[in-house]
Amino acid sequence: VVRCPRCGYDEVYYWEVQTRAADEPTTRFFKCARCGYVWREYE
């Protein structure tokens, strides 16, 4: 379960974007359904 680091809500949306070189993993962006906070995680 992914929780928002700002408000702790556990309903988040995510999408993946290739932000670096094609041979590197994608970056996953998350957005909280409650407060709208956006953060990212690298694979």
PDB file of N, CA and C in Angstrom:
ATOM      1  N   VAL A   1       0.853  -1.187   0.000  1.00  0.00           N
ATOM      2  CA  VAL A   1       0.000   0.000   0.000  1.00  0.00           C
ATOM      3  C   VAL A   1       0.890   1.238   0.000  1.00  0.00           C
ATOM      4  N   VAL A   2       0.599   2.146  -0.912  1.00  0.00           N
ATOM      5  CA  VAL A   2       1.330   3.410  -0.976  1.00  0.00           C
ATOM      6  C   VAL A   2       0.516   4.464  -0.242  1.00  0.00           C
ATOM      7  N   ARG A   3       1.163   5.177   0.664  1.00  0.00           N
ATOM      8  CA  ARG A   3       0.494   6.242   1.415  1.00  0.00           C
ATOM      9  C   ARG A   3       1.132   7.585   1.084  1.00  0.00           C
ATOM     10  N   CYS A   4       0.308   8.605   1.096  1.00  0.00           N
ATOM     11  CA  CYS A   4       0.804   9.954   0.860  1.00  0.00           C
ATOM     12  C   CYS A   4       1.727  10.360   2.007  1.00  0.00           C
ATOM     13  N   PRO A   5       2.940  10.821   1.700  1.00  0.00           N
ATOM     14  CA  PRO A   5       3.857  11.234   2.765  1.00  0.00           C
ATOM     15  C   PRO A   5       3.424  12.529   3.451  1.00  0.00           C
ATOM     16  N   ARG A   6       2.532  13.264   2.838  1.00  0.00           N
ATOM     17  CA  ARG A   6       2.078  14.523   3.423  1.00  0.00           C
ATOM     18  C   ARG A   6       0.891  14.317   4.372  1.00  0.00           C
ATOM     19  N   CYS A   7      -0.156  13.620   3.900  1.00  0.00           N
ATOM     20  CA  CYS A   7      -1.371  13.502   4.726  1.00  0.00           C
ATOM     21  C   CYS A   7      -1.662  12.084   5.196  1.00  0.00           C
ATOM     22  N   GLY A   8      -0.946  11.079   4.669  1.00  0.00           N
ATOM     23  CA  GLY A   8      -1.128   9.709   5.114  1.00  0.00           C
ATOM     24  C   GLY A   8      -2.265   8.956   4.445  1.00  0.00           C
ATOM     25  N   TYR A   9      -2.947   9.594   3.511  1.00  0.00           N
ATOM     26  CA  TYR A   9      -4.069   8.949   2.823  1.00  0.00           C
ATOM     27  C   TYR A   9      -3.546   7.823   1.944  1.00  0.00           C
ATOM     28  N   ASP A  10      -4.316   6.738   1.829  1.00  0.00           N
ATOM     29  CA  ASP A  10      -3.806   5.572   1.098  1.00  0.00           C
ATOM     30  C   ASP A  10      -4.423   5.375  -0.279  1.00  0.00           C
ATOM     31  N   GLU A  11      -5.082   6.388  -0.822  1.00  0.00           N
ATOM     32  CA  GLU A  11      -5.580   6.299  -2.198  1.00  0.00           C
ATOM     33  C   GLU A  11      -4.757   7.246  -3.057  1.00  0.00           C
ATOM     34  N   VAL A  12      -3.895   6.666  -3.878  1.00  0.00           N
ATOM     35  CA  VAL A  12      -3.024   7.478  -4.721  1.00  0.00           C
ATOM     36  C   VAL A  12      -3.112   6.997  -6.162  1.00  0.00           C
ATOM     37  N   TYR A  13      -2.852   7.894  -7.080  1.00  0.00           N
ATOM     38  CA  TYR A  13      -2.764   7.571  -8.502  1.00  0.00           C
ATOM     39  C   TYR A  13      -1.295   7.601  -8.875  1.00  0.00           C
ATOM     40  N   TYR A  14      -0.919   6.828  -9.879  1.00  0.00           N
ATOM     41  CA  TYR A  14       0.473   6.883 -10.314  1.00  0.00           C
ATOM     42  C   TYR A  14       0.575   6.709 -11.818  1.00  0.00           C
ATOM     43  N   TRP A  15       1.689   7.190 -12.349  1.00  0.00           N
ATOM     44  CA  TRP A  15       2.004   7.023 -13.764  1.00  0.00           C
ATOM     45  C   TRP A  15       3.513   6.938 -13.883  1.00  0.00           C
ATOM     46  N   GLU A  16       3.970   6.334 -14.966  1.00  0.00           N
ATOM     47  CA  GLU A  16       5.400   6.148 -15.178  1.00  0.00           C
ATOM     48  C   GLU A  16       5.863   6.939 -16.387  1.00  0.00           C
ATOM     49  N   VAL A  17       7.039   7.548 -16.254  1.00  0.00           N
ATOM     50  CA  VAL A  17       7.609   8.370 -17.317  1.00  0.00           C
ATOM     51  C   VAL A  17       9.076   7.996 -17.475  1.00  0.00           C
ATOM     52  N   GLN A  18       9.523   7.938 -18.712  1.00  0.00           N
ATOM     53  CA  GLN A  18      10.939   7.692 -18.984  1.00  0.00           C
ATOM     54  C   GLN A  18      11.651   9.036 -18.930  1.00  0.00           C
ATOM     55  N   THR A  19      12.173   9.403 -17.763  1.00  0.00           N
ATOM     56  CA  THR A  19      12.778  10.725 -17.590  1.00  0.00           C
ATOM     57  C   THR A  19      14.279  10.725 -17.844  1.00  0.00           C
ATOM     58  N   ARG A  20      14.888   9.550 -17.859  1.00  0.00           N
ATOM     59  CA  ARG A  20      16.329   9.466 -18.073  1.00  0.00           C
ATOM     60  C   ARG A  20      16.601   8.673 -19.343  1.00  0.00           C
ATOM     61  N   ALA A  21      17.790   8.152 -19.486  1.00  0.00           N
ATOM     62  CA  ALA A  21      18.160   7.411 -20.697  1.00  0.00           C
ATOM     63  C   ALA A  21      17.254   6.198 -20.886  1.00  0.00           C
ATOM     64  N   ALA A  22      17.091   5.791 -22.114  1.00  0.00           N
ATOM     65  CA  ALA A  22      16.185   4.689 -22.442  1.00  0.00           C
ATOM     66  C   ALA A  22      16.604   3.371 -21.797  1.00  0.00           C
ATOM     67  N   ASP A  23      17.887   3.217 -21.494  1.00  0.00           N
ATOM     68  CA  ASP A  23      18.339   1.964 -20.879  1.00  0.00           C
ATOM     69  C   ASP A  23      18.252   1.990 -19.354  1.00  0.00           C
ATOM     70  N   GLU A  24      17.707   3.063 -18.790  1.00  0.00           N
ATOM     71  CA  GLU A  24      17.529   3.155 -17.341  1.00  0.00           C
ATOM     72  C   GLU A  24      16.055   2.982 -16.991  1.00  0.00           C
ATOM     73  N   PRO A  25      15.767   2.604 -15.748  1.00  0.00           N
ATOM     74  CA  PRO A  25      14.368   2.376 -15.352  1.00  0.00           C
ATOM     75  C   PRO A  25      13.525   3.646 -15.424  1.00  0.00           C
ATOM     76  N   THR A  26      12.217   3.451 -15.477  1.00  0.00           N
ATOM     77  CA  THR A  26      11.299   4.588 -15.515  1.00  0.00           C
ATOM     78  C   THR A  26      11.201   5.243 -14.142  1.00  0.00           C
ATOM     79  N   THR A  27      10.686   6.464 -14.135  1.00  0.00           N
ATOM     80  CA  THR A  27      10.397   7.177 -12.898  1.00  0.00           C
ATOM     81  C   THR A  27       8.901   7.092 -12.668  1.00  0.00           C
ATOM     82  N   ARG A  28       8.505   6.716 -11.460  1.00  0.00           N
ATOM     83  CA  ARG A  28       7.084   6.590 -11.132  1.00  0.00           C
ATOM     84  C   ARG A  28       6.652   7.817 -10.331  1.00  0.00           C
ATOM     85  N   PHE A  29       5.634   8.509 -10.850  1.00  0.00           N
ATOM     86  CA  PHE A  29       5.068   9.668 -10.169  1.00  0.00           C
ATOM     87  C   PHE A  29       3.787   9.252  -9.460  1.00  0.00           C
ATOM     88  N   PHE A  30       3.570   9.790  -8.268  1.00  0.00           N
ATOM     89  CA  PHE A  30       2.376   9.498  -7.483  1.00  0.00           C
ATOM     90  C   PHE A  30       1.644  10.796  -7.187  1.00  0.00           C
ATOM     91  N   LYS A  31       0.307  10.721  -7.118  1.00  0.00           N
ATOM     92  CA  LYS A  31      -0.503  11.879  -6.738  1.00  0.00           C
ATOM     93  C   LYS A  31      -1.558  11.427  -5.745  1.00  0.00           C
ATOM     94  N   CYS A  32      -1.634  12.112  -4.621  1.00  0.00           N
ATOM     95  CA  CYS A  32      -2.603  11.782  -3.585  1.00  0.00           C
ATOM     96  C   CYS A  32      -4.002  12.204  -4.023  1.00  0.00           C
ATOM     97  N   ALA A  33      -4.975  11.301  -3.829  1.00  0.00           N
ATOM     98  CA  ALA A  33      -6.361  11.590  -4.205  1.00  0.00           C
ATOM     99  C   ALA A  33      -7.014  12.574  -3.243  1.00  0.00           C
ATOM    100  N   ARG A  34      -6.465  12.720  -2.038  1.00  0.00           N
ATOM    101  CA  ARG A  34      -7.064  13.624  -1.056  1.00  0.00           C
ATOM    102  C   ARG A  34      -6.474  15.037  -1.137  1.00  0.00           C
ATOM    103  N   CYS A  35      -5.159  15.156  -0.968  1.00  0.00           N
ATOM    104  CA  CYS A  35      -4.564  16.499  -0.875  1.00  0.00           C
ATOM    105  C   CYS A  35      -3.911  16.967  -2.167  1.00  0.00           C
ATOM    106  N   GLY A  36      -3.738  16.068  -3.152  1.00  0.00           N
ATOM    107  CA  GLY A  36      -3.169  16.462  -4.429  1.00  0.00           C
ATOM    108  C   GLY A  36      -1.656  16.525  -4.471  1.00  0.00           C
ATOM    109  N   TYR A  37      -1.006  16.126  -3.387  1.00  0.00           N
ATOM    110  CA  TYR A  37       0.458  16.147  -3.334  1.00  0.00           C
ATOM    111  C   TYR A  37       1.037  15.195  -4.377  1.00  0.00           C
ATOM    112  N   VAL A  38       2.076  15.629  -5.086  1.00  0.00           N
ATOM    113  CA  VAL A  38       2.734  14.808  -6.109  1.00  0.00           C
ATOM    114  C   VAL A  38       4.171  14.545  -5.675  1.00  0.00           C
ATOM    115  N   TRP A  39       4.592  13.292  -5.774  1.00  0.00           N
ATOM    116  CA  TRP A  39       5.976  12.941  -5.489  1.00  0.00           C
ATOM    117  C   TRP A  39       6.406  11.862  -6.461  1.00  0.00           C
ATOM    118  N   ARG A  40       7.700  11.545  -6.469  1.00  0.00           N
ATOM    119  CA  ARG A  40       8.205  10.563  -7.425  1.00  0.00           C
ATOM    120  C   ARG A  40       9.134   9.577  -6.736  1.00  0.00           C
ATOM    121  N   GLU A  41       9.241   8.418  -7.368  1.00  0.00           N
ATOM    122  CA  GLU A  41      10.171   7.385  -6.924  1.00  0.00           C
ATOM    123  C   GLU A  41      10.894   6.858  -8.147  1.00  0.00           C
ATOM    124  N   TYR A  42      12.187   6.626  -7.986  1.00  0.00           N
ATOM    125  CA  TYR A  42      12.977   6.031  -9.060  1.00  0.00           C
ATOM    126  C   TYR A  42      13.037   4.535  -8.827  1.00  0.00           C
ATOM    127  N   GLU A  43      12.959   3.771  -9.892  1.00  0.00           N
ATOM    128  CA  GLU A  43      13.042   2.308  -9.775  1.00  0.00           C
ATOM    129  C   GLU A  43      14.443   1.917  -9.386  1.00  0.00           C
TER     130      GLU A  43
END
